[in-house]
Structure formats: structure tokens, C-alpha cells
């Protein structure tokens, strides 16, 4: 039976998020690696907004939001209870944190990362605004090994690719910043076999015409 098709770009945090959900669910997809500067026409037909990830299911339906792909995959199989089934309060906490990441922190992250494109304020200003979210995570991680408990849930996997980007803008600064728990938490995810698996390099689909089975 044919597999769903996933258009992905290795370094995009949204695409990382989708691949994490698929891998952690034990689901398999047919991966098409792309370059954002050279987007395949079939991907643009499926999702005209032109961003990754894009998942095309066997029935032709399209899922083109990373969080929706995570939920789709984990809805099929969630062996680690990442969706926090039957835990209404943690579910709400997870939703709030992910919303803050996507709708507030991400904007400051982009301006911090590309401060030369946003000369209205300094790089330090944008970093300081982003730090407000980092400080919130630091406070949560003072209580648990992961954001909501000692076990990782969807919120950890949905957020850490973006914190990775933030840390990478100025690694020397991040390493000495007063966020030891965020540093520990992030390092744990980046050093995990799960992250190594989702970050394997594949030839781009347009150049190689090759698809790769990704997932279980």
C-alpha cells in the first residue's frame, strides 16, 4: 500500500516538528526532501502557500500545518502518550505554551536571527524580547525534567526545534546565559537518538527523483 507523502526541509523547525511526530508515533511516510529556494510544483499544487511541511495522505487530503501533522500521526498511534490523553489541564498548558511559541516567540526569534533585516531595533533588543519566553520555560523546568512533567510530551517536541534556533544565533551567549535548565533540557533533546534520526540528510527530491521511507 502506498504511504502518505511528506515534503520536508531538514533545517526548518516546523518540518522538524512534523518529522518528530511521525517518528514518535511509529508511522511511516514517503519523504521528499526539498530546498525552499526550489520548491517542487506538486508541493505548490497541494499547498499554494509554499511552506513546509506538507503531508499528502493516500486519499488526497492535505495537511500543511506542522502541529496538525504531529496530531495526525499521534492520533494514529501514541505509545508514549505525548498527547496527554485524559489530562485536560496539562493539555491546556501544552496548547498555551505552543501558541505562545508560534504566535509570539517565533516573531522575536526571526528578528533576532535576521536582525540586519530589521534595523528598527538592535539584535540585543530582539534577543531580550525572546528571552521572556525562555525565562518562562526556565521556570517550568525548575520543577520537572521536561516542560510539564518528568516525561516529555507533545509540547517539548513542538517547541525545542525553535529554542535550538534561538540558541544557535549566538551560541557563546546562550551557553553562558542564566538559563541552566533550558540549556540542560535542550541539550538532552539535541543529543537524543530521536533527534539524530530526524536530522539524517537525504538527497533532494528534485535532484535525485528519490523518495525515502521515513518513520517506523
Protein backbone atom coordinates (compact mmCIF):
# COMPACT_ATOMS: atom_id res chain seq x y z
CA UNK A 1 0.00 0.00 0.00
CA UNK A 2 1.29 3.46 -0.81
CA UNK A 3 2.38 5.73 2.01
CA UNK A 4 1.49 9.36 2.72
CA UNK A 5 3.93 11.78 1.08
CA UNK A 6 5.77 14.31 3.24
CA UNK A 7 7.50 17.34 1.73
CA UNK A 8 10.15 18.44 4.18
CA UNK A 9 13.20 20.69 4.54
CA UNK A 10 15.72 19.30 7.00
CA UNK A 11 16.61 22.50 8.89
CA UNK A 12 13.12 24.05 9.15
CA UNK A 13 11.85 23.82 12.75
CA UNK A 14 8.29 23.33 11.55
CA UNK A 15 9.40 20.40 9.39
CA UNK A 16 11.42 19.03 12.32
CA UNK A 17 8.25 19.18 14.38
CA UNK A 18 6.35 17.13 11.80
CA UNK A 19 9.12 14.53 11.48
CA UNK A 20 9.28 14.20 15.26
CA UNK A 21 5.55 13.50 15.46
CA UNK A 22 5.75 10.91 12.69
CA UNK A 23 8.80 9.17 14.17
CA UNK A 24 7.44 9.12 17.72
CA UNK A 25 4.15 7.66 16.52
CA UNK A 26 5.81 4.79 14.69
CA UNK A 27 4.13 5.89 11.47
CA UNK A 28 5.85 5.74 8.08
CA UNK A 29 5.73 8.27 5.26
CA UNK A 30 7.41 8.72 1.90
CA UNK A 31 9.81 11.63 2.42
CA UNK A 32 10.57 14.16 -0.30
CA UNK A 33 13.38 16.47 0.79
CA UNK A 34 13.21 19.91 -0.84
CA UNK A 35 15.04 23.22 -0.95
CA UNK A 36 12.97 26.27 -0.08
CA UNK A 37 14.54 28.21 -2.94
CA UNK A 38 13.48 25.49 -5.40
CA UNK A 39 10.00 24.31 -4.44
CA UNK A 40 8.53 21.39 -6.40
CA UNK A 41 5.43 22.13 -8.44
CA UNK A 42 3.45 19.17 -6.98
CA UNK A 43 4.02 20.58 -3.49
CA UNK A 44 2.81 24.01 -4.55
CA UNK A 45 -0.27 22.49 -6.18
CA UNK A 46 -1.05 20.65 -2.96
CA UNK A 47 -0.34 23.67 -0.73
CA UNK A 48 -0.08 27.01 -2.58
CA UNK A 49 1.30 28.81 0.47
CA UNK A 50 4.61 27.13 -0.33
CA UNK A 51 5.85 26.33 3.16
CA UNK A 52 6.93 23.03 4.66
CA UNK A 53 5.88 20.62 5.95
CA UNK A 54 3.20 19.40 3.57
CA UNK A 55 1.67 15.96 4.05
CA UNK A 56 -0.43 14.37 1.32
CA UNK A 57 -2.49 11.43 2.56
CA UNK A 58 -3.42 8.40 0.48
CA UNK A 59 -6.93 9.76 -0.08
CA UNK A 60 -5.51 13.00 -1.48
CA UNK A 61 -6.28 15.16 1.54
CA UNK A 62 -3.63 17.69 2.57
CA UNK A 63 -2.24 18.58 5.99
CA UNK A 64 0.09 21.58 5.75
CA UNK A 65 0.46 22.75 9.35
CA UNK A 66 3.23 21.16 11.40
CA UNK A 67 1.21 20.82 14.59
CA UNK A 68 -1.66 19.23 12.68
CA UNK A 69 0.77 16.68 11.22
CA UNK A 70 2.02 15.86 14.71
CA UNK A 71 -1.54 15.39 15.92
CA UNK A 72 -2.46 13.31 12.86
CA UNK A 73 0.46 10.95 13.42
CA UNK A 74 -0.02 10.68 17.18
CA UNK A 75 -3.74 10.24 16.65
CA UNK A 76 -2.91 7.05 14.76
CA UNK A 77 -0.57 5.78 17.45
CA UNK A 78 0.67 7.48 20.61
CA UNK A 79 2.71 4.89 22.51
CA UNK A 80 4.26 7.48 24.84
CA UNK A 81 1.00 9.39 25.48
CA UNK A 82 2.52 12.58 24.08
CA UNK A 83 -0.98 13.95 23.50
CA UNK A 84 -1.67 13.72 27.25
CA UNK A 85 -4.90 11.77 26.83
CA UNK A 86 -7.41 12.22 29.65
CA UNK A 87 -5.30 15.02 31.18
CA UNK A 88 -7.30 18.15 30.45
CA UNK A 89 -5.23 20.62 32.46
CA UNK A 90 -1.84 19.56 31.01
CA UNK A 91 -3.44 19.60 27.55
CA UNK A 92 -4.44 23.22 28.07
CA UNK A 93 -0.97 24.08 29.39
CA UNK A 94 0.61 22.48 26.35
CA UNK A 95 -1.70 24.35 23.98
CA UNK A 96 -0.94 27.69 25.66
CA UNK A 97 2.83 27.15 25.50
CA UNK A 98 2.75 26.10 21.86
CA UNK A 99 0.54 29.09 20.99
CA UNK A 100 3.00 31.41 22.75
CA UNK A 101 5.89 29.83 20.88
CA UNK A 102 4.22 30.06 17.48
CA UNK A 103 2.49 33.43 17.79
CA UNK A 104 4.86 35.47 19.93
CA UNK A 105 8.29 33.94 20.45
CA UNK A 106 8.73 32.95 16.79
CA UNK A 107 8.39 36.57 15.68
CA UNK A 108 11.14 37.71 18.07
CA UNK A 109 13.27 34.72 17.08
CA UNK A 110 13.09 35.68 13.40
CA UNK A 111 14.01 39.28 14.13
CA UNK A 112 16.87 38.19 16.40
CA UNK A 113 18.18 35.73 13.83
CA UNK A 114 17.91 38.24 10.97
CA UNK A 115 18.47 41.45 12.90
CA UNK A 116 20.15 43.07 9.88
CA UNK A 117 16.80 42.87 8.07
CA UNK A 118 15.05 44.62 10.96
CA UNK A 119 17.14 47.72 11.70
CA UNK A 120 14.33 49.37 13.69
CA UNK A 121 15.84 47.79 16.83
CA UNK A 122 19.11 46.12 17.81
CA UNK A 123 19.87 42.42 17.88
CA UNK A 124 20.09 42.63 21.68
CA UNK A 125 16.62 44.16 21.83
CA UNK A 126 15.13 41.29 19.84
CA UNK A 127 17.02 38.74 21.91
CA UNK A 128 15.77 40.32 25.13
CA UNK A 129 12.18 40.10 23.91
CA UNK A 130 12.70 36.45 23.02
CA UNK A 131 14.21 35.81 26.42
CA UNK A 132 10.85 36.41 28.05
CA UNK A 133 9.67 33.09 26.67
CA UNK A 134 12.98 31.39 27.53
CA UNK A 135 12.57 32.61 31.12
CA UNK A 136 9.08 31.12 31.21
CA UNK A 137 10.47 27.76 30.11
CA UNK A 138 13.28 28.05 32.66
CA UNK A 139 10.71 28.46 35.43
CA UNK A 140 8.79 25.37 34.29
CA UNK A 141 11.97 23.32 34.05
CA UNK A 142 12.90 24.16 37.63
CA UNK A 143 10.05 21.83 38.64
CA UNK A 144 10.45 18.95 36.17
CA UNK A 145 12.88 17.37 33.75
CA UNK A 146 10.54 18.31 30.88
CA UNK A 147 8.16 21.23 30.47
CA UNK A 148 5.07 19.74 32.10
CA UNK A 149 6.41 16.73 33.99
CA UNK A 150 9.44 14.46 34.11
CA UNK A 151 8.25 12.83 30.88
CA UNK A 152 8.33 14.59 27.53
CA UNK A 153 5.03 15.38 25.84
CA UNK A 154 3.95 17.00 22.60
CA UNK A 155 4.84 20.45 23.94
CA UNK A 156 8.52 19.56 24.40
CA UNK A 157 8.86 18.17 20.89
CA UNK A 158 6.83 21.01 19.36
CA UNK A 159 8.97 23.73 20.97
CA UNK A 160 12.57 22.57 21.21
CA UNK A 161 13.37 22.97 17.47
CA UNK A 162 12.65 26.69 17.85
CA UNK A 163 14.72 27.02 21.02
CA UNK A 164 17.51 25.30 19.08
CA UNK A 165 17.35 28.11 16.53
CA UNK A 166 17.38 30.76 19.25
CA UNK A 167 20.41 29.16 20.91
CA UNK A 168 22.22 28.94 17.58
CA UNK A 169 22.10 32.66 16.78
CA UNK A 170 24.84 33.36 19.33
CA UNK A 171 25.92 30.08 20.87
CA UNK A 172 28.56 31.68 23.12
CA UNK A 173 25.95 34.00 24.63
CA UNK A 174 23.40 31.21 25.07
CA UNK A 175 25.88 28.91 26.77
CA UNK A 176 26.58 31.47 29.49
CA UNK A 177 23.04 32.85 29.78
CA UNK A 178 21.23 32.34 33.12
CA UNK A 179 19.02 29.52 31.85
CA UNK A 180 20.70 26.32 33.07
CA UNK A 181 17.52 24.27 32.97
CA UNK A 182 16.67 25.29 29.41
CA UNK A 183 20.26 24.52 28.42
CA UNK A 184 20.02 21.07 30.01
CA UNK A 185 16.61 20.36 28.50
CA UNK A 186 17.65 21.48 25.02
CA UNK A 187 20.91 19.52 25.13
CA UNK A 188 19.01 16.40 26.15
CA UNK A 189 16.77 16.63 23.11
CA UNK A 190 19.55 17.54 20.69
CA UNK A 191 21.73 14.66 21.89
CA UNK A 192 18.93 12.09 21.68
CA UNK A 193 18.75 9.28 19.09
CA UNK A 194 15.34 10.66 18.12
CA UNK A 195 16.84 13.97 17.01
CA UNK A 196 19.71 12.23 15.23
CA UNK A 197 17.13 10.17 13.33
CA UNK A 198 15.03 13.11 12.14
CA UNK A 199 18.16 15.04 11.09
CA UNK A 200 19.56 12.46 8.69
CA UNK A 201 20.50 14.03 5.37
CA UNK A 202 18.69 12.97 2.22
CA UNK A 203 19.25 13.96 -1.42
CA UNK A 204 16.69 16.50 -2.59
CA UNK A 205 13.77 15.01 -4.44
CA UNK A 206 14.02 17.30 -7.48
CA UNK A 207 17.69 16.48 -7.99
CA UNK A 208 17.56 12.76 -7.30
CA UNK A 209 13.93 11.82 -8.03
CA UNK A 210 14.25 9.63 -4.94
CA UNK A 211 11.78 9.26 -2.10
CA UNK A 212 12.78 7.73 1.20
CA UNK A 213 10.78 5.79 3.74
CA UNK A 214 10.81 7.83 6.92
CA UNK A 215 9.45 6.74 10.28
CA UNK A 216 8.97 3.32 11.76
